Structures are given as C-alpha cells and as structure tokens.
N, C-alpha and C. Protein backbone atom coordinates (compact mmCIF):
# COMPACT_ATOMS: atom_id res chain seq x y z
N MET A 1 8.80 25.01 13.98
CA MET A 1 7.67 24.37 14.57
C MET A 1 8.15 23.15 15.38
N SER A 2 7.67 23.06 16.58
CA SER A 2 8.06 21.90 17.42
C SER A 2 7.44 20.63 16.91
N ILE A 3 8.02 19.51 17.32
CA ILE A 3 7.49 18.18 16.95
C ILE A 3 6.07 18.03 17.44
N GLU A 4 5.78 18.48 18.66
CA GLU A 4 4.48 18.38 19.22
C GLU A 4 3.44 19.17 18.41
N ASN A 5 3.80 20.39 18.02
CA ASN A 5 2.89 21.21 17.19
C ASN A 5 2.65 20.55 15.84
N ARG A 6 3.71 19.97 15.25
CA ARG A 6 3.56 19.30 13.98
C ARG A 6 2.64 18.11 14.07
N ARG A 7 2.80 17.33 15.12
CA ARG A 7 1.89 16.16 15.32
C ARG A 7 0.43 16.61 15.50
N THR A 8 0.24 17.66 16.24
CA THR A 8 -1.13 18.17 16.46
C THR A 8 -1.74 18.62 15.15
N LYS A 9 -1.00 19.32 14.34
CA LYS A 9 -1.51 19.78 13.05
C LYS A 9 -1.77 18.62 12.10
N LEU A 10 -0.89 17.60 12.12
CA LEU A 10 -1.06 16.44 11.23
C LEU A 10 -2.35 15.67 11.65
N VAL A 11 -2.55 15.44 12.94
CA VAL A 11 -3.68 14.67 13.39
C VAL A 11 -5.01 15.43 13.10
N PHE A 12 -5.02 16.71 13.41
CA PHE A 12 -6.24 17.51 13.18
C PHE A 12 -6.54 17.60 11.70
N SER A 13 -5.54 17.81 10.88
CA SER A 13 -5.73 17.83 9.45
C SER A 13 -6.25 16.51 8.90
N ALA A 14 -5.71 15.40 9.38
CA ALA A 14 -6.18 14.10 8.96
C ALA A 14 -7.64 13.90 9.35
N MET A 15 -8.00 14.36 10.55
CA MET A 15 -9.35 14.24 11.00
C MET A 15 -10.28 15.09 10.14
N GLU A 16 -9.88 16.29 9.82
CA GLU A 16 -10.70 17.15 8.95
C GLU A 16 -10.89 16.52 7.57
N LYS A 17 -9.85 15.92 7.04
CA LYS A 17 -9.95 15.27 5.72
C LYS A 17 -10.88 14.08 5.76
N LEU A 18 -10.86 13.32 6.82
CA LEU A 18 -11.75 12.15 6.99
C LEU A 18 -13.21 12.61 7.05
N VAL A 19 -13.43 13.69 7.83
CA VAL A 19 -14.80 14.24 7.92
C VAL A 19 -15.25 14.81 6.54
N ALA A 20 -14.36 15.50 5.85
CA ALA A 20 -14.69 16.04 4.53
C ALA A 20 -15.01 14.92 3.53
N GLY A 21 -14.42 13.74 3.79
CA GLY A 21 -14.68 12.61 2.94
C GLY A 21 -15.97 11.83 3.29
N GLY A 22 -16.67 12.36 4.29
CA GLY A 22 -17.95 11.76 4.65
C GLY A 22 -17.99 11.03 5.96
N ARG A 23 -16.89 10.93 6.66
CA ARG A 23 -16.85 10.24 7.96
C ARG A 23 -17.29 11.22 9.05
N ALA A 24 -18.24 10.82 9.85
CA ALA A 24 -18.71 11.67 10.94
C ALA A 24 -18.02 11.30 12.26
N GLU A 25 -17.81 10.00 12.45
CA GLU A 25 -17.18 9.48 13.67
C GLU A 25 -15.81 8.92 13.33
N ILE A 26 -14.81 9.34 14.07
CA ILE A 26 -13.44 8.96 13.78
C ILE A 26 -12.81 8.24 14.97
N ARG A 27 -12.08 7.20 14.68
CA ARG A 27 -11.38 6.47 15.73
C ARG A 27 -9.87 6.66 15.49
N PRO A 28 -9.04 6.51 16.54
CA PRO A 28 -7.61 6.66 16.36
C PRO A 28 -7.01 5.83 15.21
N GLY A 29 -7.53 4.62 15.03
CA GLY A 29 -7.04 3.77 13.92
C GLY A 29 -7.30 4.35 12.57
N ASP A 30 -8.42 5.08 12.42
CA ASP A 30 -8.72 5.74 11.14
C ASP A 30 -7.65 6.83 10.83
N ILE A 31 -7.26 7.51 11.89
CA ILE A 31 -6.27 8.57 11.70
C ILE A 31 -4.92 7.99 11.40
N THR A 32 -4.52 6.94 12.17
CA THR A 32 -3.20 6.33 11.90
C THR A 32 -3.13 5.77 10.49
N ALA A 33 -4.23 5.19 10.00
CA ALA A 33 -4.27 4.67 8.64
C ALA A 33 -4.12 5.78 7.60
N ALA A 34 -4.82 6.94 7.84
CA ALA A 34 -4.75 8.05 6.94
C ALA A 34 -3.35 8.66 6.95
N LEU A 35 -2.76 8.78 8.12
CA LEU A 35 -1.38 9.33 8.18
C LEU A 35 -0.39 8.39 7.50
N ARG A 36 -0.54 7.10 7.68
CA ARG A 36 0.33 6.15 7.04
C ARG A 36 0.24 6.26 5.52
N GLU A 37 -0.99 6.39 5.00
CA GLU A 37 -1.21 6.51 3.57
C GLU A 37 -0.60 7.81 3.02
N SER A 38 -0.55 8.83 3.82
CA SER A 38 -0.01 10.13 3.38
C SER A 38 1.51 10.21 3.55
N GLY A 39 2.10 9.13 4.08
CA GLY A 39 3.53 9.13 4.27
C GLY A 39 4.06 9.73 5.53
N THR A 40 3.16 10.00 6.49
CA THR A 40 3.55 10.58 7.79
C THR A 40 3.00 9.72 8.89
N PRO A 41 3.50 8.46 8.98
CA PRO A 41 2.95 7.55 9.99
C PRO A 41 3.19 8.02 11.45
N MET A 42 2.27 7.73 12.31
CA MET A 42 2.37 7.98 13.72
C MET A 42 1.87 6.70 14.45
N LEU A 43 2.36 6.47 15.62
CA LEU A 43 1.88 5.34 16.43
C LEU A 43 0.53 5.68 17.02
N ALA A 44 -0.27 4.66 17.31
CA ALA A 44 -1.63 4.87 17.85
C ALA A 44 -1.62 5.62 19.15
N TRP A 45 -0.62 5.34 20.01
CA TRP A 45 -0.57 6.03 21.30
C TRP A 45 -0.26 7.52 21.13
N GLU A 46 0.51 7.86 20.09
CA GLU A 46 0.78 9.27 19.82
C GLU A 46 -0.46 9.99 19.34
N VAL A 47 -1.20 9.32 18.45
CA VAL A 47 -2.45 9.88 17.96
C VAL A 47 -3.42 10.06 19.11
N ARG A 48 -3.54 9.07 19.95
CA ARG A 48 -4.47 9.14 21.07
C ARG A 48 -4.13 10.31 22.00
N GLY A 49 -2.85 10.54 22.25
CA GLY A 49 -2.41 11.67 23.05
C GLY A 49 -2.76 12.98 22.44
N VAL A 50 -2.59 13.10 21.09
CA VAL A 50 -2.95 14.36 20.40
C VAL A 50 -4.44 14.58 20.46
N LEU A 51 -5.23 13.51 20.34
CA LEU A 51 -6.68 13.63 20.39
C LEU A 51 -7.09 14.22 21.75
N SER A 52 -6.46 13.82 22.84
CA SER A 52 -6.76 14.38 24.15
C SER A 52 -6.40 15.86 24.19
N GLU A 53 -5.28 16.26 23.56
CA GLU A 53 -4.92 17.67 23.51
C GLU A 53 -5.94 18.46 22.74
N LEU A 54 -6.36 17.95 21.60
CA LEU A 54 -7.36 18.64 20.77
C LEU A 54 -8.67 18.77 21.49
N GLU A 55 -9.02 17.77 22.30
CA GLU A 55 -10.25 17.83 23.09
C GLU A 55 -10.15 18.95 24.13
N THR A 56 -8.98 19.08 24.74
CA THR A 56 -8.75 20.14 25.72
C THR A 56 -8.89 21.52 25.07
N GLU A 57 -8.51 21.61 23.83
CA GLU A 57 -8.61 22.90 23.08
C GLU A 57 -9.99 23.10 22.47
N ASP A 58 -10.95 22.22 22.75
CA ASP A 58 -12.32 22.25 22.28
C ASP A 58 -12.41 22.21 20.77
N LEU A 59 -11.47 21.53 20.11
CA LEU A 59 -11.52 21.36 18.67
C LEU A 59 -12.25 20.08 18.28
N ILE A 60 -12.21 19.09 19.16
CA ILE A 60 -12.89 17.83 18.95
C ILE A 60 -13.53 17.40 20.27
N ARG A 61 -14.39 16.40 20.14
CA ARG A 61 -15.01 15.86 21.38
C ARG A 61 -15.15 14.34 21.22
N LEU A 62 -15.19 13.69 22.34
CA LEU A 62 -15.35 12.25 22.37
C LEU A 62 -16.82 11.91 22.64
N ASP A 63 -17.38 11.09 21.81
CA ASP A 63 -18.75 10.61 22.04
C ASP A 63 -18.64 9.37 22.88
N ALA A 64 -19.03 9.51 24.15
CA ALA A 64 -18.83 8.43 25.12
C ALA A 64 -19.66 7.20 24.73
N ALA A 65 -20.81 7.35 24.12
CA ALA A 65 -21.63 6.19 23.73
C ALA A 65 -20.96 5.30 22.65
N SER A 66 -20.35 5.93 21.67
CA SER A 66 -19.77 5.16 20.57
C SER A 66 -18.24 5.02 20.69
N GLY A 67 -17.60 5.84 21.50
CA GLY A 67 -16.14 5.80 21.60
C GLY A 67 -15.46 6.46 20.43
N ALA A 68 -16.19 7.19 19.65
CA ALA A 68 -15.64 7.84 18.45
C ALA A 68 -15.36 9.32 18.74
N TRP A 69 -14.47 9.87 18.00
CA TRP A 69 -14.15 11.27 18.11
C TRP A 69 -14.90 12.04 17.01
N LEU A 70 -15.35 13.21 17.38
CA LEU A 70 -16.12 14.06 16.45
C LEU A 70 -15.51 15.43 16.42
N LEU A 71 -15.56 16.12 15.28
CA LEU A 71 -15.09 17.50 15.23
C LEU A 71 -16.10 18.33 16.03
N ALA A 72 -15.61 19.26 16.82
CA ALA A 72 -16.48 20.18 17.50
C ALA A 72 -17.13 21.10 16.47
N GLU A 73 -18.31 21.54 16.73
CA GLU A 73 -18.98 22.39 15.74
C GLU A 73 -18.26 23.69 15.46
N GLU A 74 -17.53 24.17 16.45
CA GLU A 74 -16.80 25.42 16.28
C GLU A 74 -15.38 25.20 15.78
N ALA A 75 -14.97 23.94 15.58
CA ALA A 75 -13.58 23.63 15.32
C ALA A 75 -13.03 24.33 14.10
N SER A 76 -13.72 24.39 13.00
CA SER A 76 -13.22 24.96 11.79
C SER A 76 -12.94 26.45 11.98
N ARG A 77 -13.75 27.14 12.74
CA ARG A 77 -13.52 28.58 12.97
C ARG A 77 -12.33 28.77 13.92
N LYS A 78 -12.16 27.89 14.91
CA LYS A 78 -11.03 28.06 15.83
C LYS A 78 -9.72 27.70 15.17
N ALA A 79 -9.72 26.70 14.30
CA ALA A 79 -8.46 26.23 13.70
C ALA A 79 -8.04 27.15 12.60
N GLY A 80 -9.00 27.77 11.91
CA GLY A 80 -8.74 28.60 10.74
C GLY A 80 -8.01 29.83 11.07
C-alpha cells in the first residue's frame, strides 16, 4: 500500500469514527487530534489535502456555510 493510500484510509477511518461517536460536522483539527490519539499523527496540511481527495471521490463534502466536512450519504456504501 502506498503512503498516499494509507493516509487516505487513515483520514477517512478517523472521520467515520468521529461520526460514529456522534459528531456530524468534522474539521481538519478534529481529525488530526484523533489521529494523534491513535498513535498515527499527521500534519494539518496533509489531512486537508486528503479531505480534498475524498471530496473528489464523493465520499465527503464540505459544508460551505459552516466550513465543516460531512460524510456523504453514500460514503459508507462506496468505501465498504
């Protein structure tokens, strides 16, 4: 697995866990904190880049009004 693929999976997994824990809107800092707690830290700019990639893949979307990232409704089916 390439480093890029690993990062993508880590960020998406962290986002899914945050949502499963009751968070609806996620910011890059939430993901970096979760990754740091799990022992797989990433820099904020790396996370932000992965979020853009995930948005391109229609797995997440950015809510322009709040600036938060949300899981796309179809994301769990596409990722699974």
